[in-house]
Amino acid sequence: MLGGRWVMKVGLLSGLLVMAFMAQAEECPDWPQEQLALETQALTEHIEVWDRAYHDGGESLVADELYDQALARLESWQACLGDTTPHRPLTRVSSSDGTRAHPAAQRGLNKADDEGVRRFTSRREDLWIQPKVDGVAVTLRYVDGELVEAVSRGDGERGQDWTARARQLPAIPNTLPEPISALLQGELYWRMEEHIQARSPSSGARGAVAGAMAQSSPEAATLERIGLFVWGWPDGPNDMESRLAQLSALGFDSADYTYPLDDRRDATYWRDSWFNGPLPFATDGVVIKQAERPGVRRWSSSPPEWAIAWKYPAQQALAEVRGIEFRVGRTGRVTPLVWLNPVVLEGRRISRVSLGSLDRWESLDVRPGDQVAITLAGLTIPQLSEVVWHTQERSPLSPPLPQRYHLLSCFELTPGCESQLLARLSYLGEQLAMQGIGEGTWQALMEAGVVTQLLDWLDVEPRQLQQAYGIGEATAASLTEQFQVARSQPFSAWLRALGAPPGSEAVRGEWYELASYQREQWQAVPGVGPVRAEALVAFFSHPEVQRMAAQLNQAGVAGF
């Protein structure tokens, strides 16, 4: 939640902030029941559209991790409405119409964080690790060495009959080298060359496999791109070494990606290695499992206690928009800021992102309540990459008119100028090397009416400073000292502080000399072209700027 300081800021900047904040949900959205039902139905329809595109044409309209988060959100909203019936995706879990029962349930795994992994590994022995291949799960049944059945994961209990398609895949042997009966569980994946998950998190590999399996007549080249990683053998040998040895003898590469955990190479070692190293498939984490597990007859589709998934850090997060702030910067540029219900990416808590320009905000049409995808550019800068879906309740927003703001607007606190003046004061404090005076201090002084023009602070008294929120006697004395020190800053620093366009610092002379320059004289200055020259003439001839120059002259500031 935003603190008291932000509440003050909303009060101050009410002319430019259009927050219309949606309340941050702890468990259920703070919406009327009717709106929650409307939004839940809309999300259900969105997911159905994604599912059908995924199933019918192999087209992934949304990244897999965003889909998973959207599905979790839908189930949460359904629970808030008292509906505990889960959404059954068409192909994100392999397009099940419930046509065949699994010989052994395809079990989902409990997800663990770092601490959960530590607890799990500290209480168990004979642990092994595998990459969590990002593909489409399948169960294969062999009788006397012949493939007799292939079933998609479906809902874990029942899946779609994939037998005919499985027999077309070069990666799945129709006949085993030995005439044994076996029940194998694995992942169909999209073959990739030297794929490094950390560099290419959104490969679309899962969607490619699902699409190929759904097509009526895929090309041979498409079928050859599908690989198989066998990660389970429910009715196989009890000990892991024997299982892996027999799988290798049968022609499967499970042993190449299944390793015991020990003190030298623990779960963190393998997780980091597979995340940052080349693999022939996409992955989204690792699976840690005991070698010993219950027999096939005792298996159900509920998550087992003997295995967990440790997923990689999310590369994208689904976030709900709380509000939109239109911030006017020092030069008059209007920048939309999107405030979010906080999400965590790469260990960073993200609560707002910049859209950069009004044009981008208009093209995305972001409103409070929308669900958006957040990524980290270069692993450092949060960005809004797309609107995943729009809320049904569209809050009206009134952004500021960009033509009203420019390099020479808002030197004074008038309606609509709060944001730009605040930016001007913050920049001025930086250029004049004021220590301990940032945006919060200037904001408090503006709120109290102590500073309503760019240079009001020159003549302010300590007792006046104490009228501002959070400023006591000691702070007022410190501010007064910084204000006095700022007076002695060089003329070039003052030009920057007032907002003079670049180029003025290249001319030797005092204010009256620079103010007399014409466009041709400015163009003779190295690095100053026609546009910059016009901006310099406009700055030095502007009435407000000339008034401030006179004020600085009276205050005894050098150069004025």
Protein backbone atom coordinates (compact mmCIF):
# COMPACT_ATOMS: atom_id res chain seq x y z
CA MET A 1 0.00 0.00 0.00
CA LEU A 2 1.16 3.57 -0.54
CA GLY A 3 2.14 5.47 2.55
CA GLY A 4 0.96 8.76 4.03
CA ARG A 5 3.41 10.72 1.94
CA TRP A 6 1.67 9.55 -1.22
CA VAL A 7 -1.70 10.49 0.21
CA MET A 8 -0.36 14.03 0.58
CA LYS A 9 0.92 13.94 -2.95
CA VAL A 10 -2.44 12.94 -4.34
CA GLY A 11 -3.97 15.88 -2.48
CA LEU A 12 -1.40 18.26 -3.90
CA LEU A 13 -1.42 17.01 -7.46
CA SER A 14 -5.14 16.42 -7.80
CA GLY A 15 -5.19 18.47 -11.00
CA LEU A 16 -2.89 16.02 -12.78
CA LEU A 17 -3.22 12.72 -11.00
CA VAL A 18 -6.01 10.46 -12.12
CA MET A 19 -5.42 7.60 -9.76
CA ALA A 20 -8.87 6.02 -9.37
CA PHE A 21 -7.10 3.37 -7.34
CA MET A 22 -8.46 -0.13 -7.16
CA ALA A 23 -8.10 -1.41 -3.61
CA GLN A 24 -5.27 -3.88 -3.25
CA ALA A 25 -6.64 -7.34 -2.75
CA GLU A 26 -5.43 -9.41 0.16
CA GLU A 27 -7.38 -12.50 -0.82
CA CYS A 28 -10.35 -11.43 -2.92
CA PRO A 29 -10.71 -8.28 -5.07
CA ASP A 30 -12.41 -5.41 -3.28
CA TRP A 31 -15.22 -5.30 -5.82
CA PRO A 32 -18.98 -5.58 -5.51
CA GLN A 33 -20.12 -9.15 -6.04
CA GLU A 34 -21.69 -8.22 -9.38
CA GLN A 35 -18.43 -6.79 -10.70
CA LEU A 36 -16.43 -9.77 -9.47
CA ALA A 37 -18.84 -12.10 -11.29
CA LEU A 38 -18.56 -9.97 -14.45
CA GLU A 39 -14.75 -9.89 -14.37
CA THR A 40 -14.55 -13.61 -13.62
CA GLN A 41 -16.76 -14.45 -16.58
CA ALA A 42 -14.72 -12.17 -18.85
CA LEU A 43 -11.47 -13.82 -17.73
CA THR A 44 -13.00 -17.25 -18.31
CA GLU A 45 -13.84 -16.23 -21.86
CA HIS A 46 -10.33 -14.85 -22.41
CA ILE A 47 -8.78 -18.13 -21.31
CA GLU A 48 -11.14 -20.09 -23.53
CA VAL A 49 -10.05 -17.97 -26.51
CA TRP A 50 -6.39 -18.64 -25.65
CA ASP A 51 -7.12 -22.35 -25.26
CA ARG A 52 -8.86 -22.67 -28.61
CA ALA A 53 -6.11 -20.82 -30.46
CA TYR A 54 -3.58 -23.06 -28.73
CA HIS A 55 -5.58 -26.22 -29.48
CA ASP A 56 -6.85 -25.59 -32.99
CA GLY A 57 -3.91 -23.80 -34.55
CA GLY A 58 -0.99 -24.24 -32.19
CA GLU A 59 -0.93 -20.46 -31.70
CA SER A 60 0.06 -19.17 -28.29
CA LEU A 61 -1.68 -15.84 -27.78
CA VAL A 62 -0.12 -15.36 -24.36
CA ALA A 63 3.15 -16.52 -22.82
CA ASP A 64 2.93 -19.78 -20.89
CA GLU A 65 3.92 -18.28 -17.56
CA LEU A 66 1.37 -15.48 -17.97
CA TYR A 67 -1.26 -18.07 -18.87
CA ASP A 68 -0.44 -20.04 -15.73
CA GLN A 69 -0.74 -16.91 -13.59
CA ALA A 70 -4.00 -15.93 -15.28
CA LEU A 71 -5.41 -19.40 -14.65
CA ALA A 72 -4.41 -19.17 -10.98
CA ARG A 73 -6.10 -15.77 -10.78
CA LEU A 74 -9.26 -17.16 -12.32
CA GLU A 75 -9.38 -19.99 -9.81
CA SER A 76 -8.85 -17.49 -6.98
CA TRP A 77 -11.71 -15.31 -8.21
CA GLN A 78 -13.93 -18.36 -8.65
CA ALA A 79 -13.20 -19.33 -5.05
CA CYS A 80 -14.15 -15.81 -3.96
CA LEU A 81 -17.50 -16.38 -5.66
CA GLY A 82 -17.90 -19.75 -3.98
CA ASP A 83 -17.28 -21.62 -7.24
CA THR A 84 -14.75 -24.40 -6.64
CA THR A 85 -15.05 -25.94 -10.11
CA PRO A 86 -11.63 -25.52 -11.74
CA HIS A 87 -11.27 -24.31 -15.29
CA ARG A 88 -10.31 -27.18 -17.59
CA PRO A 89 -7.90 -25.83 -20.22
CA LEU A 90 -8.04 -27.38 -23.66
CA THR A 91 -4.36 -27.82 -24.34
CA ARG A 92 -2.23 -26.06 -21.76
CA VAL A 93 -2.39 -29.42 -20.05
CA SER A 94 -2.59 -31.34 -23.30
CA SER A 95 -6.07 -30.92 -24.66
CA SER A 96 -8.01 -33.54 -22.75
CA ASP A 97 -11.57 -34.41 -23.59
CA GLY A 98 -11.44 -37.16 -20.98
CA THR A 99 -11.46 -39.91 -23.58
CA ARG A 100 -9.02 -42.25 -21.79
CA ALA A 101 -8.17 -42.94 -18.18
CA HIS A 102 -4.51 -42.75 -17.26
CA PRO A 103 -3.05 -46.13 -16.31
CA ALA A 104 -1.23 -44.18 -13.59
CA ALA A 105 -2.24 -40.63 -12.70
CA GLN A 106 -0.18 -37.76 -14.07
CA ARG A 107 0.55 -35.97 -10.84
CA GLY A 108 1.12 -32.25 -10.51
CA LEU A 109 3.89 -31.17 -8.18
CA ASN A 110 3.92 -28.86 -5.21
CA LYS A 111 6.00 -25.75 -5.91
CA ALA A 112 8.71 -24.83 -3.43
CA ASP A 113 10.75 -21.70 -2.79
CA ASP A 114 14.33 -21.65 -1.55
CA GLU A 115 13.32 -22.35 2.05
CA GLY A 116 10.91 -25.07 0.96
CA VAL A 117 13.68 -26.78 -0.98
CA ARG A 118 15.96 -26.61 2.03
CA ARG A 119 13.33 -28.24 4.24
CA PHE A 120 12.53 -30.90 1.66
CA THR A 121 16.14 -31.89 1.06
CA SER A 122 17.12 -31.82 4.75
CA ARG A 123 14.49 -34.40 5.72
CA ARG A 124 15.01 -36.97 2.96
CA GLU A 125 17.72 -39.24 1.61
CA ASP A 126 18.55 -40.64 -1.81
CA LEU A 127 17.37 -37.54 -3.64
CA TRP A 128 17.69 -36.98 -7.39
CA ILE A 129 17.17 -33.99 -9.62
CA GLN A 130 15.94 -33.51 -13.17
CA PRO A 131 15.27 -30.44 -15.32
CA LYS A 132 11.60 -29.50 -15.42
CA VAL A 133 11.22 -29.69 -19.17
CA ASP A 134 8.74 -27.14 -20.50
CA GLY A 135 6.63 -29.19 -22.88
CA VAL A 136 3.50 -31.32 -22.96
CA ALA A 137 3.19 -34.31 -20.65
CA VAL A 138 2.27 -37.76 -21.99
CA THR A 139 1.82 -41.30 -20.66
CA LEU A 140 3.07 -44.18 -22.83
CA ARG A 141 2.01 -47.79 -22.28
CA TYR A 142 3.97 -50.65 -23.77
CA VAL A 143 2.84 -54.30 -23.75
CA ASP A 144 5.43 -56.92 -24.65
CA GLY A 145 7.57 -54.16 -26.09
CA GLU A 146 4.87 -52.68 -28.33
CA LEU A 147 3.37 -49.20 -27.93
CA VAL A 148 -0.33 -49.76 -27.33
CA GLU A 149 -1.44 -46.46 -25.82
CA ALA A 150 -0.44 -42.82 -25.50
CA VAL A 151 -2.52 -40.47 -23.33
CA SER A 152 -2.15 -36.71 -22.91
CA ARG A 153 -1.93 -35.35 -19.40
CA GLY A 154 -5.44 -33.87 -19.44
CA ASP A 155 -6.60 -33.35 -15.89
CA GLY A 156 -4.19 -35.93 -14.49
CA GLU A 157 -6.81 -38.66 -14.20
CA ARG A 158 -8.05 -38.72 -17.78
CA GLY A 159 -6.49 -37.52 -21.01
CA GLN A 160 -6.87 -37.48 -24.74
CA ASP A 161 -6.00 -40.49 -26.86
CA TRP A 162 -2.74 -39.58 -28.60
CA THR A 163 -1.80 -43.09 -29.64
CA ALA A 164 -2.06 -42.55 -33.39
CA ARG A 165 -0.03 -39.33 -33.30
CA ALA A 166 2.56 -40.80 -30.92
CA ARG A 167 3.25 -43.60 -33.38
CA GLN A 168 4.15 -40.94 -35.96
CA LEU A 169 6.78 -39.28 -33.76
CA PRO A 170 10.36 -40.40 -34.44
CA ALA A 171 11.23 -39.68 -30.79
CA ILE A 172 8.76 -42.31 -29.51
CA PRO A 173 9.71 -45.91 -30.34
CA ASN A 174 6.79 -48.01 -31.51
CA THR A 175 8.74 -51.12 -30.47
CA LEU A 176 11.18 -51.33 -27.58
CA PRO A 177 14.51 -53.21 -27.90
CA GLU A 178 13.26 -55.64 -25.27
CA PRO A 179 9.78 -57.24 -25.15
CA ILE A 180 8.85 -55.80 -21.79
CA SER A 181 5.66 -54.20 -20.55
CA ALA A 182 6.17 -50.71 -19.15
CA LEU A 183 4.27 -47.62 -18.21
CA LEU A 184 6.33 -44.50 -18.97
CA GLN A 185 5.61 -40.87 -18.18
CA GLY A 186 7.44 -38.08 -19.91
CA GLU A 187 7.45 -34.73 -21.63
CA LEU A 188 7.13 -34.05 -25.32
CA TYR A 189 9.34 -31.06 -26.04
CA TRP A 190 10.32 -28.86 -28.98
CA ARG A 191 13.92 -29.58 -29.97
CA MET A 192 16.16 -26.53 -29.70
CA GLU A 193 19.81 -25.83 -30.46
CA GLU A 194 21.97 -24.83 -27.51
CA HIS A 195 18.98 -23.22 -25.78
CA ILE A 196 19.89 -21.15 -22.72
CA GLN A 197 16.82 -20.51 -20.62
CA ALA A 198 18.25 -17.48 -18.84
CA ARG A 199 18.73 -15.70 -22.18
CA SER A 200 15.53 -16.80 -23.95
CA PRO A 201 12.82 -17.30 -21.33
CA SER A 202 9.88 -16.88 -23.74
CA SER A 203 10.62 -19.46 -26.41
CA GLY A 204 7.04 -20.59 -27.08
CA ALA A 205 8.30 -24.17 -27.06
CA ARG A 206 5.34 -25.60 -25.17
CA GLY A 207 2.88 -24.02 -27.58
CA ALA A 208 4.79 -25.37 -30.57
CA VAL A 209 4.48 -28.93 -29.30
CA ALA A 210 0.82 -28.56 -28.37
CA GLY A 211 0.06 -27.11 -31.78
CA ALA A 212 1.84 -29.92 -33.59
CA MET A 213 -0.02 -32.56 -31.57
CA ALA A 214 -3.34 -30.85 -32.36
CA GLN A 215 -2.82 -30.50 -36.11
CA SER A 216 -4.62 -32.97 -38.34
CA SER A 217 -1.70 -33.53 -40.72
CA PRO A 218 1.56 -32.02 -39.47
CA GLU A 219 4.56 -32.14 -41.79
CA ALA A 220 7.29 -34.70 -41.22
CA ALA A 221 9.77 -31.94 -40.36
CA THR A 222 7.42 -30.75 -37.61
CA LEU A 223 7.15 -34.23 -36.12
CA GLU A 224 10.93 -34.56 -36.14
CA ARG A 225 11.22 -31.39 -34.03
CA ILE A 226 9.37 -33.09 -31.16
CA GLY A 227 11.56 -34.86 -28.62
CA LEU A 228 10.74 -37.03 -25.61
CA PHE A 229 12.17 -36.87 -22.11
CA VAL A 230 11.03 -39.77 -19.93
CA TRP A 231 10.97 -38.54 -16.35
CA GLY A 232 8.94 -41.31 -14.69
CA TRP A 233 8.48 -45.08 -14.79
CA PRO A 234 5.73 -45.85 -12.28
CA ASP A 235 5.96 -49.65 -12.57
CA GLY A 236 9.72 -49.72 -13.10
CA PRO A 237 12.51 -50.81 -10.72
CA ASN A 238 12.39 -49.41 -7.19
CA ASP A 239 15.90 -47.95 -7.09
CA MET A 240 16.81 -45.03 -9.32
CA GLU A 241 20.09 -46.46 -10.65
CA SER A 242 18.32 -49.54 -12.00
CA ARG A 243 15.50 -47.48 -13.50
CA LEU A 244 17.94 -45.20 -15.31
CA ALA A 245 20.09 -48.09 -16.51
CA GLN A 246 17.09 -49.91 -17.98
CA LEU A 247 15.72 -46.72 -19.57
CA SER A 248 19.10 -46.22 -21.24
CA ALA A 249 19.02 -49.81 -22.49
CA LEU A 250 15.57 -49.11 -23.95
CA GLY A 251 16.92 -46.11 -25.88
CA PHE A 252 15.79 -43.22 -23.67
CA ASP A 253 18.16 -40.44 -22.53
CA SER A 254 16.72 -40.00 -19.01
CA ALA A 255 20.07 -40.76 -17.38
CA ASP A 256 21.69 -37.83 -19.20
CA TYR A 257 19.52 -35.40 -17.24
CA THR A 258 18.95 -37.18 -13.92
CA TYR A 259 21.55 -36.76 -11.17
CA PRO A 260 21.89 -37.63 -7.48
CA LEU A 261 22.16 -34.75 -5.04
CA ASP A 262 25.20 -34.58 -2.79
CA ASP A 263 27.22 -32.01 -0.89
CA ARG A 264 29.38 -31.20 -3.90
CA ARG A 265 26.56 -30.79 -6.41
CA ASP A 266 23.37 -29.86 -4.64
CA ALA A 267 20.01 -28.68 -6.00
CA THR A 268 21.22 -25.09 -6.34
CA TYR A 269 24.19 -26.22 -8.44
CA TRP A 270 22.06 -28.11 -10.94
CA ARG A 271 19.33 -25.48 -11.06
CA ASP A 272 21.85 -22.74 -11.85
CA SER A 273 23.68 -24.97 -14.36
CA TRP A 274 20.55 -25.82 -16.31
CA PHE A 275 19.21 -22.27 -16.16
CA ASN A 276 22.41 -20.72 -17.50
CA GLY A 277 23.78 -23.57 -19.63
CA PRO A 278 22.81 -24.94 -23.06
CA LEU A 279 20.11 -27.61 -23.28
CA PRO A 280 18.19 -29.16 -26.19
CA PHE A 281 14.86 -28.09 -24.70
CA ALA A 282 13.20 -25.26 -22.81
CA THR A 283 12.85 -25.63 -19.04
CA ASP A 284 11.02 -23.75 -16.32
CA GLY A 285 12.75 -25.15 -13.23
CA VAL A 286 13.92 -28.40 -11.72
CA VAL A 287 12.22 -31.38 -10.11
CA ILE A 288 13.66 -32.90 -6.94
CA LYS A 289 12.46 -36.40 -6.12
CA GLN A 290 13.14 -39.33 -3.85
CA ALA A 291 14.34 -42.49 -5.56
CA GLU A 292 11.79 -44.46 -3.57
CA ARG A 293 8.11 -43.68 -4.27
CA PRO A 294 4.73 -45.32 -3.76
CA GLY A 295 3.65 -48.10 -6.10
CA VAL A 296 1.41 -47.43 -9.07
CA ARG A 297 -1.74 -48.72 -7.39
CA ARG A 298 -1.57 -46.13 -4.64
CA TRP A 299 -1.11 -43.16 -6.98
CA SER A 300 -3.69 -40.43 -7.40
CA SER A 301 -3.60 -37.11 -9.27
CA SER A 302 -2.93 -35.13 -6.07
CA PRO A 303 0.67 -33.89 -5.66
CA PRO A 304 3.04 -36.48 -4.19
CA GLU A 305 4.97 -35.94 -0.98
CA TRP A 306 8.15 -37.43 -2.41
CA ALA A 307 8.79 -34.83 -5.15
CA ILE A 308 8.69 -31.05 -5.52
CA ALA A 309 9.20 -28.52 -8.31
CA TRP A 310 11.62 -25.65 -7.84
CA LYS A 311 10.82 -23.23 -10.62
CA TYR A 312 13.13 -20.63 -12.07
CA PRO A 313 12.57 -17.00 -11.13
CA ALA A 314 9.61 -15.66 -13.08
CA GLN A 315 10.65 -13.70 -16.18
CA GLN A 316 7.22 -12.08 -16.45
CA ALA A 317 4.65 -11.27 -13.82
CA LEU A 318 0.93 -10.68 -14.17
CA ALA A 319 0.04 -7.52 -12.25
CA GLU A 320 -3.17 -5.63 -11.62
CA VAL A 321 -3.17 -1.89 -12.34
CA ARG A 322 -4.08 0.19 -9.29
CA GLY A 323 -4.01 3.57 -10.93
CA ILE A 324 -2.49 5.86 -13.54
CA GLU A 325 -0.47 8.97 -12.70
CA PHE A 326 0.28 11.52 -15.41
CA ARG A 327 3.50 13.14 -14.27
CA VAL A 328 4.72 16.34 -15.91
CA GLY A 329 8.49 16.56 -15.86
CA ARG A 330 10.76 19.56 -15.61
CA THR A 331 10.83 20.16 -19.36
CA GLY A 332 7.07 19.72 -19.74
CA ARG A 333 7.11 16.13 -20.98
CA VAL A 334 4.05 14.21 -19.78
CA THR A 335 4.92 10.69 -18.63
CA PRO A 336 2.21 8.20 -17.61
CA LEU A 337 3.16 6.09 -14.60
CA VAL A 338 1.28 2.87 -13.94
CA TRP A 339 0.85 1.97 -10.28
CA LEU A 340 0.47 -1.75 -9.61
CA ASN A 341 -0.50 -4.14 -6.93
CA PRO A 342 3.10 -5.09 -6.08
CA VAL A 343 4.68 -8.10 -7.80
CA VAL A 344 8.12 -9.67 -7.32
CA LEU A 345 10.53 -10.32 -10.21
CA GLU A 346 14.14 -11.44 -9.74
CA GLY A 347 13.76 -10.69 -6.04
CA ARG A 348 12.64 -7.11 -6.72
CA ARG A 349 9.33 -5.75 -5.49
CA ILE A 350 7.75 -3.73 -8.31
CA SER A 351 4.85 -1.38 -7.67
CA ARG A 352 5.05 1.02 -10.60
CA VAL A 353 6.30 1.25 -14.19
CA SER A 354 6.65 4.11 -16.65
CA LEU A 355 4.94 4.00 -20.04
CA GLY A 356 7.30 6.64 -21.43
CA SER A 357 4.81 8.69 -23.41
CA LEU A 358 1.16 9.63 -23.71
CA ASP A 359 1.07 8.01 -27.15
CA ARG A 360 1.97 4.63 -25.67
CA TRP A 361 -0.63 5.00 -22.92
CA GLU A 362 -3.26 5.84 -25.51
CA SER A 363 -2.30 2.87 -27.69
CA LEU A 364 -2.44 0.46 -24.73
CA ASP A 365 -5.46 2.16 -23.12
CA VAL A 366 -4.35 1.10 -19.65
CA ARG A 367 -6.92 1.71 -16.91
CA PRO A 368 -7.23 0.79 -13.23
CA GLY A 369 -8.17 -2.88 -12.89
CA ASP A 370 -6.42 -3.99 -16.10
CA GLN A 371 -4.09 -6.98 -15.90
CA VAL A 372 -0.68 -6.31 -17.42
CA ALA A 373 2.56 -8.20 -18.06
CA ILE A 374 5.63 -6.85 -16.27
CA THR A 375 9.19 -7.72 -17.31
CA LEU A 376 12.66 -6.55 -16.33
CA ALA A 377 14.64 -4.96 -19.16
CA GLY A 378 18.26 -5.94 -18.74
CA LEU A 379 17.26 -7.52 -15.41
CA THR A 380 17.06 -4.03 -13.87
CA ILE A 381 14.37 -1.75 -15.33
CA PRO A 382 10.74 -2.82 -14.90
CA GLN A 383 8.67 -2.48 -18.06
CA LEU A 384 5.05 -3.03 -18.99
CA SER A 385 5.29 -5.31 -22.02
CA GLU A 386 1.58 -5.77 -22.79
CA VAL A 387 -1.96 -5.58 -21.50
CA VAL A 388 -2.98 -9.19 -20.98
CA TRP A 389 -6.63 -8.30 -20.62
CA HIS A 390 -8.72 -5.21 -19.92
CA THR A 391 -11.10 -4.88 -17.00
CA GLN A 392 -14.78 -4.72 -17.87
CA GLU A 393 -15.26 -1.63 -15.68
CA ARG A 394 -13.41 1.15 -17.57
CA SER A 395 -12.54 4.04 -15.26
CA PRO A 396 -12.71 7.45 -16.99
CA LEU A 397 -9.33 9.21 -17.09
CA SER A 398 -8.48 12.80 -18.07
CA PRO A 399 -4.81 13.10 -18.99
CA PRO A 400 -3.24 16.57 -19.12
CA LEU A 401 -3.07 18.36 -22.46
CA PRO A 402 0.55 17.99 -23.63
CA GLN A 403 0.51 21.29 -25.54
CA ARG A 404 0.04 23.15 -22.26
CA TYR A 405 3.45 22.10 -20.93
CA HIS A 406 6.86 22.99 -22.30
CA LEU A 407 10.32 24.17 -21.31
CA LEU A 408 9.03 27.56 -20.15
CA SER A 409 5.83 26.58 -18.36
CA CYS A 410 5.10 26.29 -14.64
CA PHE A 411 7.68 28.38 -12.81
CA GLU A 412 4.85 29.15 -10.37
CA LEU A 413 2.32 27.01 -8.47
CA THR A 414 -0.89 27.47 -10.40
CA PRO A 415 -3.62 24.88 -11.05
CA GLY A 416 -2.17 22.07 -13.14
CA CYS A 417 1.45 23.14 -12.54
CA GLU A 418 2.08 21.19 -9.34
CA SER A 419 3.97 18.31 -10.93
CA GLN A 420 6.22 20.34 -13.21
CA LEU A 421 7.10 22.87 -10.51
CA LEU A 422 7.97 20.02 -8.14
CA ALA A 423 10.25 18.55 -10.82
CA ARG A 424 11.85 21.97 -11.37
CA LEU A 425 12.56 22.40 -7.65
CA SER A 426 14.04 18.91 -7.33
CA TYR A 427 16.32 19.53 -10.32
CA LEU A 428 17.32 22.95 -8.98
CA GLY A 429 18.31 21.43 -5.64
CA GLU A 430 20.52 18.89 -7.41
CA GLN A 431 22.24 21.49 -9.61
CA LEU A 432 22.92 23.77 -6.64
CA ALA A 433 24.33 20.89 -4.56
CA MET A 434 21.75 21.17 -1.79
CA GLN A 435 22.42 18.31 0.62
CA GLY A 436 19.52 16.40 2.16
CA ILE A 437 16.86 18.22 0.15
CA GLY A 438 14.92 16.01 -2.21
CA GLU A 439 11.49 15.76 -3.77
CA GLY A 440 9.82 14.97 -0.44
CA THR A 441 11.11 18.17 1.17
CA TRP A 442 10.05 20.37 -1.75
CA GLN A 443 6.69 18.64 -1.80
CA ALA A 444 6.14 19.40 1.89
CA LEU A 445 7.10 23.03 1.38
CA MET A 446 4.68 23.32 -1.54
CA GLU A 447 1.90 21.65 0.45
CA ALA A 448 2.39 24.20 3.23
CA GLY A 449 2.38 27.14 0.81
CA VAL A 450 5.89 28.10 1.85
CA VAL A 451 7.29 27.67 -1.68
CA THR A 452 4.97 28.55 -4.56
CA GLN A 453 7.56 29.83 -7.05
CA LEU A 454 10.88 28.41 -8.19
CA LEU A 455 12.95 30.89 -6.12
CA ASP A 456 10.69 31.48 -3.10
CA TRP A 457 13.14 29.60 -0.88
CA LEU A 458 15.73 32.40 -1.24
CA ASP A 459 13.93 34.61 1.27
CA VAL A 460 12.15 32.08 3.48
CA GLU A 461 12.62 32.26 7.27
CA PRO A 462 13.23 29.21 9.52
CA ARG A 463 9.90 29.77 11.31
CA GLN A 464 8.13 29.58 7.93
CA LEU A 465 9.89 26.32 7.10
CA GLN A 466 8.54 24.79 10.30
CA GLN A 467 5.00 25.23 8.99
CA ALA A 468 5.65 22.34 6.58
CA TYR A 469 4.80 18.77 7.54
CA GLY A 470 7.74 16.91 9.12
CA ILE A 471 10.05 19.92 9.41
CA GLY A 472 11.08 20.82 12.95
CA GLU A 473 13.50 23.34 14.33
CA ALA A 474 16.66 21.35 13.60
CA THR A 475 15.60 20.50 10.07
CA ALA A 476 14.61 24.09 9.41
CA ALA A 477 18.06 25.25 10.51
CA SER A 478 19.72 22.70 8.23
CA LEU A 479 17.57 23.76 5.26
CA THR A 480 18.37 27.42 5.86
CA GLU A 481 22.07 26.59 5.82
CA GLN A 482 21.76 24.73 2.52
CA PHE A 483 19.82 27.61 1.00
CA GLN A 484 22.58 30.01 1.96
CA VAL A 485 25.28 27.74 0.50
CA ALA A 486 23.33 27.51 -2.78
CA ARG A 487 23.63 31.27 -3.25
CA SER A 488 27.39 30.91 -3.70
CA GLN A 489 27.23 28.32 -6.46
CA PRO A 490 28.84 29.36 -9.78
CA PHE A 491 26.88 31.12 -12.51
CA SER A 492 26.97 28.05 -14.79
CA ALA A 493 25.28 25.95 -12.06
CA TRP A 494 22.58 28.59 -11.70
CA LEU A 495 21.91 28.57 -15.44
CA ARG A 496 21.37 24.81 -15.30
CA ALA A 497 19.22 25.15 -12.18
CA LEU A 498 16.91 27.65 -13.90
CA GLY A 499 16.53 25.30 -16.87
CA ALA A 500 18.64 27.04 -19.52
CA PRO A 501 18.96 24.92 -22.68
CA PRO A 502 22.39 23.35 -23.32
CA GLY A 503 24.78 25.71 -25.05
CA SER A 504 24.56 28.65 -22.69
CA GLU A 505 27.41 27.27 -20.56
CA ALA A 506 29.75 27.52 -23.57
CA VAL A 507 29.54 31.33 -23.61
CA ARG A 508 31.62 33.40 -21.24
CA GLY A 509 29.73 36.33 -19.82
CA GLU A 510 27.15 37.42 -17.29
CA TRP A 511 23.38 37.31 -17.52
CA TYR A 512 22.86 40.63 -19.27
CA GLU A 513 25.31 39.61 -22.01
CA LEU A 514 23.63 36.24 -22.65
CA ALA A 515 20.19 37.84 -22.58
CA SER A 516 21.23 40.15 -25.42
CA TYR A 517 22.30 37.33 -27.76
CA GLN A 518 20.33 36.96 -30.98
CA ARG A 519 19.67 33.73 -32.81
CA GLU A 520 22.64 34.20 -35.19
CA GLN A 521 25.01 34.72 -32.26
CA TRP A 522 23.81 31.56 -30.56
CA GLN A 523 24.22 29.59 -33.78
CA ALA A 524 27.86 30.66 -33.87
CA VAL A 525 28.41 28.79 -30.57
CA PRO A 526 29.89 25.30 -31.17
CA GLY A 527 27.21 22.61 -30.87
CA VAL A 528 24.26 25.00 -31.16
CA GLY A 529 22.04 24.57 -34.22
CA PRO A 530 18.98 26.50 -35.39
CA VAL A 531 16.51 24.73 -33.09
CA ARG A 532 18.70 25.08 -30.02
CA ALA A 533 19.37 28.73 -30.85
CA GLU A 534 15.63 29.43 -30.96
CA ALA A 535 15.21 27.71 -27.58
CA LEU A 536 18.03 29.81 -26.04
CA VAL A 537 16.56 33.08 -27.33
CA ALA A 538 13.12 32.09 -26.03
CA PHE A 539 14.56 31.19 -22.61
CA PHE A 540 16.55 34.37 -22.02
CA SER A 541 13.74 36.61 -23.27
CA HIS A 542 10.93 34.93 -21.32
CA PRO A 543 9.30 37.32 -18.78
CA GLU A 544 9.32 34.78 -15.94
CA VAL A 545 12.99 33.96 -16.51
CA GLN A 546 13.88 37.65 -16.64
CA ARG A 547 11.95 38.21 -13.40
CA MET A 548 13.93 35.43 -11.70
CA ALA A 549 17.21 36.88 -13.01
CA ALA A 550 16.32 40.22 -11.43
CA GLN A 551 15.47 38.44 -8.18
CA LEU A 552 18.85 36.70 -8.16
CA ASN A 553 20.57 40.03 -8.88
CA GLN A 554 18.91 41.56 -5.82
CA ALA A 555 19.94 38.51 -3.77
CA GLY A 556 23.58 39.12 -4.72
CA VAL A 557 24.08 35.91 -6.69
CA ALA A 558 27.22 36.17 -8.85
CA GLY A 559 26.67 36.56 -12.59
CA PHE A 560 23.22 38.16 -12.39
